[in-house]
Amino acid sequence: MLHALKGPGDIKASGDIKASNSQEKHAGPHGILKGEKNEIWHPAEVKTIEFSDDQDPRETPEYEMKFKQSVGTEDVFFGMGFKTPGTASCEWLSIFINLPSEIREKVELSVESEAIDLRSPKYRLHLPTPHPVDPNVSTAKWHTETSTLEISLRLVRELDGINF
C-alpha cells in the first residue's frame, strides 16, 4: 500500500477554521486583500504620494541627478574595499536644479526623508528621491554664476552597514 507524502501545504489549522480555499471574508489587519477585477496590487499595499501641481502655474525647472561615492586609496589602488562602480556603492545623491533668472533669497527648499520640495516665485519642484535620505546630513549650495542649486543628499539604505 502506497502512502502519499505530505508537505507543508498539507498542514491545516485545528478547530473550526475553514480551509483557505473558502470564500469566507477575513477582517482585521491580517485579512485577505482582494483588489478590483484583475489588479495585481491592492490599494492598501501601494504607497501613494499625494501631490497635485495641476493648479500651480509655476514651471518645473530642469534638474539632473548624480550619484557620488566617497572613495579612498584602498578602493582605488589596492582593491581592498567592497565598493563597485554601481550606484549600490554610492553614499550621496547630488541634484543640480537649474533656476535661470532666480535669486537665492527667493528660493525655499524643504528636504524630507523621501522627497525634496523647492519653491520660488517662478519655479516649483516636488521630487521624490530614488532612495530614502537623511535630511539632517544633507547640504545645499547656490552657484550664482549659473543660477543653479546643488543639493547633496546622504543616502540611507538598509544594507549600507554591510556594503561599506
N, C-alpha and C. Protein backbone atom coordinates (compact mmCIF):
# COMPACT_ATOMS: atom_id res chain seq x y z
N MET A 1 0.85 -1.17 0.00
CA MET A 1 0.00 0.00 0.00
C MET A 1 0.90 1.24 0.00
N LEU A 2 0.61 2.16 -0.92
CA LEU A 2 1.40 3.38 -1.03
C LEU A 2 0.73 4.49 -0.25
N HIS A 3 1.55 5.22 0.49
CA HIS A 3 1.04 6.39 1.23
C HIS A 3 1.56 7.64 0.53
N ALA A 4 0.70 8.61 0.37
CA ALA A 4 1.12 9.86 -0.26
C ALA A 4 2.00 10.64 0.71
N LEU A 5 3.06 11.22 0.17
CA LEU A 5 3.93 12.03 1.00
C LEU A 5 3.25 13.35 1.31
N LYS A 6 3.44 13.82 2.52
CA LYS A 6 2.83 15.07 2.92
C LYS A 6 3.90 16.16 3.00
N GLY A 7 3.50 17.37 2.67
CA GLY A 7 4.40 18.51 2.71
C GLY A 7 3.81 19.64 3.54
N PRO A 8 4.45 20.80 3.54
CA PRO A 8 3.98 21.93 4.34
C PRO A 8 2.58 22.40 3.94
N GLY A 9 2.18 22.19 2.71
CA GLY A 9 0.86 22.61 2.27
C GLY A 9 -0.26 21.77 2.84
N ASP A 10 0.07 20.64 3.41
CA ASP A 10 -0.94 19.76 3.98
C ASP A 10 -1.28 20.10 5.43
N ILE A 11 -0.58 21.03 6.02
CA ILE A 11 -0.82 21.39 7.41
C ILE A 11 -2.07 22.25 7.46
N LYS A 12 -3.02 21.88 8.27
CA LYS A 12 -4.27 22.61 8.43
C LYS A 12 -4.39 23.06 9.87
N ALA A 13 -5.08 24.16 10.06
CA ALA A 13 -5.32 24.65 11.41
C ALA A 13 -6.37 23.76 12.07
N SER A 14 -6.20 23.53 13.34
CA SER A 14 -7.16 22.71 14.06
C SER A 14 -8.33 23.57 14.51
N GLY A 15 -9.42 22.94 14.79
CA GLY A 15 -10.60 23.66 15.28
C GLY A 15 -11.61 23.91 14.19
N ASP A 16 -12.34 25.00 14.35
CA ASP A 16 -13.44 25.27 13.45
C ASP A 16 -13.08 26.24 12.31
N ILE A 17 -11.79 26.47 12.05
CA ILE A 17 -11.40 27.36 10.95
C ILE A 17 -11.52 26.59 9.65
N LYS A 18 -12.13 27.21 8.66
CA LYS A 18 -12.33 26.57 7.37
C LYS A 18 -11.05 26.57 6.56
N ALA A 19 -10.98 25.78 5.54
CA ALA A 19 -9.81 25.71 4.67
C ALA A 19 -9.60 27.03 3.95
N SER A 20 -8.37 27.25 3.51
CA SER A 20 -8.02 28.54 2.91
C SER A 20 -8.67 28.77 1.55
N ASN A 21 -9.21 27.75 0.92
CA ASN A 21 -9.84 27.95 -0.38
C ASN A 21 -11.30 28.36 -0.27
N SER A 22 -11.78 28.61 0.93
CA SER A 22 -13.17 29.02 1.09
C SER A 22 -13.33 30.49 0.73
N GLN A 23 -14.54 30.90 0.49
CA GLN A 23 -14.82 32.28 0.09
C GLN A 23 -15.14 33.17 1.29
N GLU A 24 -14.85 32.70 2.51
CA GLU A 24 -15.15 33.48 3.71
C GLU A 24 -14.26 34.71 3.77
N LYS A 25 -14.81 35.85 4.18
CA LYS A 25 -14.04 37.09 4.26
C LYS A 25 -13.46 37.22 5.66
N HIS A 26 -12.17 37.56 5.71
CA HIS A 26 -11.50 37.77 6.98
C HIS A 26 -11.41 39.25 7.24
N ALA A 27 -11.47 39.63 8.51
CA ALA A 27 -11.39 41.04 8.88
C ALA A 27 -10.10 41.28 9.66
N GLY A 28 -9.78 42.53 9.83
CA GLY A 28 -8.60 42.88 10.61
C GLY A 28 -7.38 43.10 9.75
N PRO A 29 -6.23 43.37 10.39
CA PRO A 29 -5.02 43.69 9.62
C PRO A 29 -4.45 42.51 8.86
N HIS A 30 -4.83 41.29 9.23
CA HIS A 30 -4.30 40.11 8.56
C HIS A 30 -5.31 39.47 7.63
N GLY A 31 -6.34 40.22 7.30
CA GLY A 31 -7.36 39.69 6.41
C GLY A 31 -6.87 39.60 4.97
N ILE A 32 -7.63 38.92 4.16
CA ILE A 32 -7.28 38.74 2.76
C ILE A 32 -7.59 40.04 2.01
N LEU A 33 -6.60 40.54 1.27
CA LEU A 33 -6.79 41.74 0.48
C LEU A 33 -7.15 41.33 -0.94
N LYS A 34 -8.25 41.83 -1.43
CA LYS A 34 -8.68 41.49 -2.77
C LYS A 34 -8.97 42.77 -3.52
N GLY A 35 -8.29 42.97 -4.63
CA GLY A 35 -8.45 44.19 -5.42
C GLY A 35 -9.60 44.11 -6.38
N GLU A 36 -9.78 45.17 -7.13
CA GLU A 36 -10.81 45.23 -8.14
C GLU A 36 -10.38 44.40 -9.36
N LYS A 37 -11.25 43.63 -9.91
CA LYS A 37 -11.04 42.86 -11.13
C LYS A 37 -9.72 42.10 -11.12
N ASN A 38 -8.83 42.39 -12.06
CA ASN A 38 -7.57 41.66 -12.18
C ASN A 38 -6.37 42.49 -11.74
N GLU A 39 -6.54 43.38 -10.80
CA GLU A 39 -5.43 44.20 -10.33
C GLU A 39 -4.41 43.35 -9.58
N ILE A 40 -3.15 43.67 -9.77
CA ILE A 40 -2.09 42.94 -9.09
C ILE A 40 -1.96 43.39 -7.65
N TRP A 41 -2.03 44.70 -7.41
CA TRP A 41 -1.83 45.26 -6.08
C TRP A 41 -3.15 45.77 -5.52
N HIS A 42 -3.33 45.58 -4.25
CA HIS A 42 -4.47 46.16 -3.54
C HIS A 42 -4.09 47.60 -3.18
N PRO A 43 -5.01 48.55 -3.21
CA PRO A 43 -4.66 49.94 -2.89
C PRO A 43 -4.00 50.11 -1.51
N ALA A 44 -4.28 49.24 -0.55
CA ALA A 44 -3.66 49.34 0.77
C ALA A 44 -2.19 48.96 0.74
N GLU A 45 -1.75 48.24 -0.30
CA GLU A 45 -0.36 47.80 -0.40
C GLU A 45 0.53 48.80 -1.13
N VAL A 46 -0.05 49.80 -1.77
CA VAL A 46 0.70 50.73 -2.59
C VAL A 46 0.86 52.05 -1.84
N LYS A 47 2.11 52.51 -1.75
CA LYS A 47 2.38 53.79 -1.12
C LYS A 47 2.15 54.89 -2.15
N THR A 48 1.27 55.81 -1.84
CA THR A 48 0.97 56.87 -2.77
C THR A 48 1.46 58.20 -2.23
N ILE A 49 1.92 59.03 -3.12
CA ILE A 49 2.34 60.39 -2.76
C ILE A 49 1.25 61.32 -3.25
N GLU A 50 0.63 62.00 -2.31
CA GLU A 50 -0.46 62.88 -2.68
C GLU A 50 0.10 64.27 -2.97
N PHE A 51 0.25 64.56 -4.24
CA PHE A 51 0.74 65.85 -4.67
C PHE A 51 0.14 66.14 -6.03
N SER A 52 -0.44 67.27 -6.15
CA SER A 52 -1.02 67.67 -7.42
C SER A 52 -0.59 69.08 -7.73
N ASP A 53 0.12 69.23 -8.84
CA ASP A 53 0.55 70.56 -9.24
C ASP A 53 -0.24 71.05 -10.46
N ASP A 54 -1.40 70.48 -10.66
CA ASP A 54 -2.22 70.89 -11.80
C ASP A 54 -2.66 72.35 -11.69
N GLN A 55 -2.90 72.82 -10.48
CA GLN A 55 -3.38 74.17 -10.28
C GLN A 55 -2.24 75.18 -10.14
N ASP A 56 -0.99 74.72 -10.05
CA ASP A 56 0.15 75.60 -9.85
C ASP A 56 0.66 76.11 -11.20
N PRO A 57 0.63 77.43 -11.43
CA PRO A 57 1.06 77.96 -12.73
C PRO A 57 2.58 78.02 -12.90
N ARG A 58 3.34 77.82 -11.82
CA ARG A 58 4.79 77.91 -11.92
C ARG A 58 5.35 76.73 -12.72
N GLU A 59 6.43 76.99 -13.43
CA GLU A 59 7.02 75.94 -14.27
C GLU A 59 7.96 75.06 -13.46
N THR A 60 8.17 73.86 -13.96
CA THR A 60 9.09 72.91 -13.34
C THR A 60 10.48 73.14 -13.91
N PRO A 61 11.47 73.37 -13.04
CA PRO A 61 12.82 73.63 -13.55
C PRO A 61 13.50 72.36 -14.03
N GLU A 62 14.54 72.53 -14.84
CA GLU A 62 15.34 71.40 -15.28
C GLU A 62 16.24 70.97 -14.12
N TYR A 63 16.42 69.66 -13.99
CA TYR A 63 17.28 69.16 -12.92
C TYR A 63 18.03 67.93 -13.41
N GLU A 64 19.10 67.62 -12.70
CA GLU A 64 19.94 66.47 -13.03
C GLU A 64 20.34 65.78 -11.74
N MET A 65 20.25 64.45 -11.71
CA MET A 65 20.64 63.66 -10.54
C MET A 65 21.93 62.92 -10.84
N LYS A 66 22.85 62.93 -9.87
CA LYS A 66 24.10 62.19 -9.99
C LYS A 66 24.41 61.49 -8.67
N PHE A 67 24.83 60.24 -8.76
CA PHE A 67 25.25 59.51 -7.58
C PHE A 67 26.74 59.72 -7.36
N LYS A 68 27.15 59.83 -6.08
CA LYS A 68 28.56 60.04 -5.75
C LYS A 68 29.01 59.04 -4.70
N GLN A 69 30.30 58.68 -4.77
CA GLN A 69 30.91 57.78 -3.80
C GLN A 69 32.00 58.51 -3.03
N SER A 70 32.21 58.08 -1.80
CA SER A 70 33.38 58.50 -1.03
C SER A 70 34.41 57.41 -1.22
N VAL A 71 35.45 57.71 -2.00
CA VAL A 71 36.43 56.70 -2.39
C VAL A 71 37.76 56.99 -1.71
N GLY A 72 38.38 55.96 -1.14
CA GLY A 72 39.69 56.08 -0.52
C GLY A 72 40.75 55.33 -1.31
N THR A 73 42.01 55.38 -0.85
CA THR A 73 43.10 54.71 -1.56
C THR A 73 42.92 53.19 -1.59
N GLU A 74 42.31 52.64 -0.55
CA GLU A 74 42.10 51.18 -0.56
C GLU A 74 41.13 50.75 -1.65
N ASP A 75 40.23 51.64 -2.05
CA ASP A 75 39.28 51.34 -3.13
C ASP A 75 39.92 51.52 -4.50
N VAL A 76 40.74 52.56 -4.65
CA VAL A 76 41.30 52.90 -5.96
C VAL A 76 42.52 52.06 -6.30
N PHE A 77 43.49 52.02 -5.42
CA PHE A 77 44.77 51.39 -5.75
C PHE A 77 44.87 49.92 -5.35
N PHE A 78 44.38 49.59 -4.19
CA PHE A 78 44.58 48.24 -3.67
C PHE A 78 43.42 47.29 -3.95
N GLY A 79 42.24 47.82 -4.23
CA GLY A 79 41.07 46.97 -4.49
C GLY A 79 40.64 46.20 -3.26
N MET A 80 40.92 46.74 -2.09
CA MET A 80 40.61 46.03 -0.84
C MET A 80 39.20 46.32 -0.33
N GLY A 81 38.57 47.39 -0.81
CA GLY A 81 37.24 47.74 -0.33
C GLY A 81 36.17 46.92 -1.03
N PHE A 82 34.95 47.06 -0.56
CA PHE A 82 33.82 46.33 -1.13
C PHE A 82 33.06 47.15 -2.17
N LYS A 83 33.55 48.32 -2.50
CA LYS A 83 32.81 49.20 -3.41
C LYS A 83 32.95 48.75 -4.86
N THR A 84 31.88 48.99 -5.59
CA THR A 84 31.83 48.71 -7.02
C THR A 84 31.49 50.01 -7.74
N PRO A 85 31.64 50.06 -9.06
CA PRO A 85 31.26 51.28 -9.79
C PRO A 85 29.75 51.52 -9.84
N GLY A 86 28.95 50.59 -9.37
CA GLY A 86 27.49 50.72 -9.44
C GLY A 86 26.93 51.69 -8.42
N THR A 87 25.67 52.07 -8.61
CA THR A 87 25.02 53.02 -7.70
C THR A 87 24.75 52.42 -6.33
N ALA A 88 24.80 51.10 -6.19
CA ALA A 88 24.59 50.48 -4.89
C ALA A 88 25.70 50.82 -3.92
N SER A 89 26.87 51.22 -4.43
CA SER A 89 28.00 51.58 -3.59
C SER A 89 28.12 53.08 -3.37
N CYS A 90 27.14 53.84 -3.76
CA CYS A 90 27.18 55.30 -3.61
C CYS A 90 26.54 55.72 -2.29
N GLU A 91 27.16 56.71 -1.66
CA GLU A 91 26.65 57.23 -0.39
C GLU A 91 25.88 58.53 -0.54
N TRP A 92 26.06 59.22 -1.65
CA TRP A 92 25.47 60.54 -1.84
C TRP A 92 24.69 60.61 -3.15
N LEU A 93 23.67 61.44 -3.14
CA LEU A 93 22.91 61.77 -4.34
C LEU A 93 22.97 63.28 -4.50
N SER A 94 23.53 63.74 -5.61
CA SER A 94 23.59 65.18 -5.90
C SER A 94 22.52 65.53 -6.92
N ILE A 95 21.77 66.56 -6.61
CA ILE A 95 20.73 67.04 -7.52
C ILE A 95 21.08 68.48 -7.88
N PHE A 96 21.22 68.74 -9.17
CA PHE A 96 21.52 70.07 -9.68
C PHE A 96 20.24 70.61 -10.31
N ILE A 97 19.72 71.71 -9.76
CA ILE A 97 18.48 72.30 -10.24
C ILE A 97 18.81 73.64 -10.89
N ASN A 98 18.51 73.76 -12.16
CA ASN A 98 18.79 74.99 -12.91
C ASN A 98 17.62 75.95 -12.75
N LEU A 99 17.88 77.12 -12.14
CA LEU A 99 16.85 78.12 -11.90
C LEU A 99 17.26 79.45 -12.56
N PRO A 100 17.15 79.55 -13.88
CA PRO A 100 17.59 80.78 -14.56
C PRO A 100 16.78 81.99 -14.12
N SER A 101 17.48 83.10 -14.02
CA SER A 101 16.94 84.41 -13.62
C SER A 101 16.22 84.36 -12.27
N GLU A 102 16.74 83.56 -11.35
CA GLU A 102 16.21 83.48 -9.99
C GLU A 102 17.33 83.85 -9.02
N ILE A 103 16.98 84.42 -7.88
CA ILE A 103 17.98 84.75 -6.88
C ILE A 103 17.83 83.85 -5.67
N ARG A 104 18.94 83.66 -4.96
CA ARG A 104 18.99 82.70 -3.86
C ARG A 104 17.99 83.02 -2.75
N GLU A 105 17.80 84.29 -2.44
CA GLU A 105 16.95 84.68 -1.32
C GLU A 105 15.47 84.33 -1.54
N LYS A 106 15.07 84.15 -2.77
CA LYS A 106 13.66 83.85 -3.06
C LYS A 106 13.38 82.35 -3.21
N VAL A 107 14.40 81.52 -3.04
CA VAL A 107 14.23 80.08 -3.20
C VAL A 107 14.02 79.43 -1.84
N GLU A 108 12.95 78.67 -1.70
CA GLU A 108 12.67 77.92 -0.48
C GLU A 108 12.86 76.44 -0.77
N LEU A 109 13.60 75.75 0.09
CA LEU A 109 13.88 74.33 -0.10
C LEU A 109 13.53 73.56 1.16
N SER A 110 12.81 72.47 0.97
CA SER A 110 12.47 71.59 2.07
C SER A 110 12.94 70.18 1.69
N VAL A 111 13.73 69.56 2.57
CA VAL A 111 14.24 68.21 2.32
C VAL A 111 13.61 67.26 3.34
N GLU A 112 12.87 66.30 2.86
CA GLU A 112 12.27 65.26 3.70
C GLU A 112 13.01 63.96 3.45
N SER A 113 12.65 62.92 4.15
CA SER A 113 13.37 61.65 4.02
C SER A 113 13.14 60.97 2.67
N GLU A 114 12.04 61.28 1.98
CA GLU A 114 11.77 60.61 0.71
C GLU A 114 11.44 61.56 -0.44
N ALA A 115 11.61 62.87 -0.22
CA ALA A 115 11.31 63.83 -1.30
C ALA A 115 11.93 65.18 -0.97
N ILE A 116 12.14 65.97 -2.02
CA ILE A 116 12.53 67.36 -1.84
C ILE A 116 11.45 68.24 -2.44
N ASP A 117 11.30 69.42 -1.87
CA ASP A 117 10.29 70.36 -2.33
C ASP A 117 10.95 71.72 -2.48
N LEU A 118 10.96 72.25 -3.70
CA LEU A 118 11.57 73.54 -3.99
C LEU A 118 10.50 74.48 -4.51
N ARG A 119 10.50 75.71 -3.95
CA ARG A 119 9.53 76.71 -4.36
C ARG A 119 10.22 78.06 -4.53
N SER A 120 9.83 78.76 -5.54
CA SER A 120 10.28 80.13 -5.78
C SER A 120 9.16 80.85 -6.52
N PRO A 121 9.29 82.15 -6.72
CA PRO A 121 8.21 82.85 -7.45
C PRO A 121 7.98 82.31 -8.87
N LYS A 122 9.04 81.80 -9.52
CA LYS A 122 8.91 81.31 -10.90
C LYS A 122 8.81 79.80 -11.03
N TYR A 123 9.39 79.07 -10.07
CA TYR A 123 9.53 77.62 -10.22
C TYR A 123 8.93 76.86 -9.04
N ARG A 124 8.54 75.61 -9.33
CA ARG A 124 8.00 74.70 -8.31
C ARG A 124 8.44 73.31 -8.69
N LEU A 125 9.09 72.60 -7.73
CA LEU A 125 9.55 71.24 -7.99
C LEU A 125 9.32 70.38 -6.76
N HIS A 126 8.54 69.34 -6.90
CA HIS A 126 8.37 68.32 -5.86
C HIS A 126 8.95 67.05 -6.45
N LEU A 127 10.07 66.58 -5.88
CA LEU A 127 10.81 65.47 -6.47
C LEU A 127 11.01 64.35 -5.46
N PRO A 128 10.37 63.19 -5.66
CA PRO A 128 10.64 62.04 -4.80
C PRO A 128 12.05 61.52 -5.07
N THR A 129 12.76 61.15 -4.02
CA THR A 129 14.12 60.63 -4.19
C THR A 129 14.08 59.13 -4.46
N PRO A 130 15.06 58.59 -5.21
CA PRO A 130 15.04 57.17 -5.53
C PRO A 130 15.31 56.27 -4.32
N HIS A 131 15.96 56.81 -3.28
CA HIS A 131 16.22 56.09 -2.03
C HIS A 131 15.93 57.06 -0.89
N PRO A 132 15.64 56.54 0.30
CA PRO A 132 15.49 57.44 1.45
C PRO A 132 16.79 58.19 1.73
N VAL A 133 16.67 59.43 2.22
CA VAL A 133 17.84 60.25 2.51
C VAL A 133 17.78 60.75 3.95
N ASP A 134 18.92 61.22 4.46
CA ASP A 134 18.99 61.79 5.80
C ASP A 134 18.97 63.31 5.66
N PRO A 135 17.86 63.98 5.98
CA PRO A 135 17.77 65.43 5.80
C PRO A 135 18.73 66.20 6.71
N ASN A 136 19.12 65.61 7.85
CA ASN A 136 19.98 66.30 8.79
C ASN A 136 21.44 66.36 8.34
N VAL A 137 21.86 65.49 7.44
CA VAL A 137 23.24 65.46 6.96
C VAL A 137 23.35 66.11 5.58
N SER A 138 22.26 66.32 4.92
CA SER A 138 22.25 66.86 3.56
C SER A 138 22.57 68.35 3.55
N THR A 139 23.14 68.82 2.42
CA THR A 139 23.52 70.22 2.29
C THR A 139 23.03 70.77 0.95
N ALA A 140 23.00 72.11 0.86
CA ALA A 140 22.62 72.78 -0.38
C ALA A 140 23.60 73.92 -0.62
N LYS A 141 23.94 74.15 -1.89
CA LYS A 141 24.87 75.21 -2.26
C LYS A 141 24.34 75.92 -3.49
N TRP A 142 24.36 77.26 -3.45
CA TRP A 142 23.88 78.07 -4.56
C TRP A 142 25.06 78.52 -5.41
N HIS A 143 25.00 78.28 -6.72
CA HIS A 143 26.02 78.73 -7.66
C HIS A 143 25.47 79.96 -8.39
N THR A 144 25.99 81.14 -7.99
CA THR A 144 25.47 82.41 -8.51
C THR A 144 25.70 82.58 -10.00
N GLU A 145 26.88 82.18 -10.48
CA GLU A 145 27.22 82.42 -11.89
C GLU A 145 26.31 81.65 -12.85
N THR A 146 25.77 80.52 -12.43
CA THR A 146 24.90 79.72 -13.31
C THR A 146 23.45 79.66 -12.83
N SER A 147 23.14 80.30 -11.69
CA SER A 147 21.80 80.23 -11.07
C SER A 147 21.36 78.78 -10.90
N THR A 148 22.25 77.99 -10.32
CA THR A 148 22.00 76.57 -10.11
C THR A 148 22.08 76.25 -8.62
N LEU A 149 21.14 75.46 -8.15
CA LEU A 149 21.15 74.99 -6.77
C LEU A 149 21.65 73.55 -6.77
N GLU A 150 22.71 73.30 -5.99
CA GLU A 150 23.27 71.94 -5.87
C GLU A 150 22.89 71.41 -4.49
N ILE A 151 22.17 70.30 -4.48
CA ILE A 151 21.73 69.68 -3.24
C ILE A 151 22.45 68.34 -3.11
N SER A 152 23.16 68.15 -2.00
CA SER A 152 23.85 66.88 -1.72
C SER A 152 23.07 66.16 -0.63
N LEU A 153 22.52 65.01 -0.98
CA LEU A 153 21.68 64.24 -0.07
C LEU A 153 22.41 62.96 0.35
N ARG A 154 22.49 62.71 1.64
CA ARG A 154 23.11 61.49 2.16
C ARG A 154 22.09 60.37 2.07
N LEU A 155 22.42 59.32 1.32
CA LEU A 155 21.51 58.19 1.13
C LEU A 155 21.48 57.32 2.38
N VAL A 156 20.31 56.81 2.71
CA VAL A 156 20.14 55.90 3.84
C VAL A 156 19.47 54.66 3.28
N ARG A 157 20.26 53.58 3.20
CA ARG A 157 19.72 52.34 2.67
C ARG A 157 19.90 51.23 3.68
N GLU A 158 19.09 50.22 3.57
CA GLU A 158 19.03 49.16 4.57
C GLU A 158 20.36 48.43 4.75
N LEU A 159 21.06 48.14 3.67
CA LEU A 159 22.28 47.32 3.75
C LEU A 159 23.56 48.13 3.68
N ASP A 160 23.52 49.44 3.91
CA ASP A 160 24.73 50.24 3.84
C ASP A 160 25.77 49.82 4.87
N GLY A 161 25.34 49.40 6.04
CA GLY A 161 26.27 48.96 7.08
C GLY A 161 27.04 47.71 6.67
N ILE A 162 26.45 46.88 5.84
CA ILE A 162 27.10 45.65 5.38
C ILE A 162 27.96 45.93 4.15
N ASN A 163 27.49 46.76 3.24
CA ASN A 163 28.19 47.02 1.99
C ASN A 163 29.44 47.87 2.16
N PHE A 164 29.49 48.71 3.19
CA PHE A 164 30.62 49.62 3.31
C PHE A 164 31.43 49.24 4.52
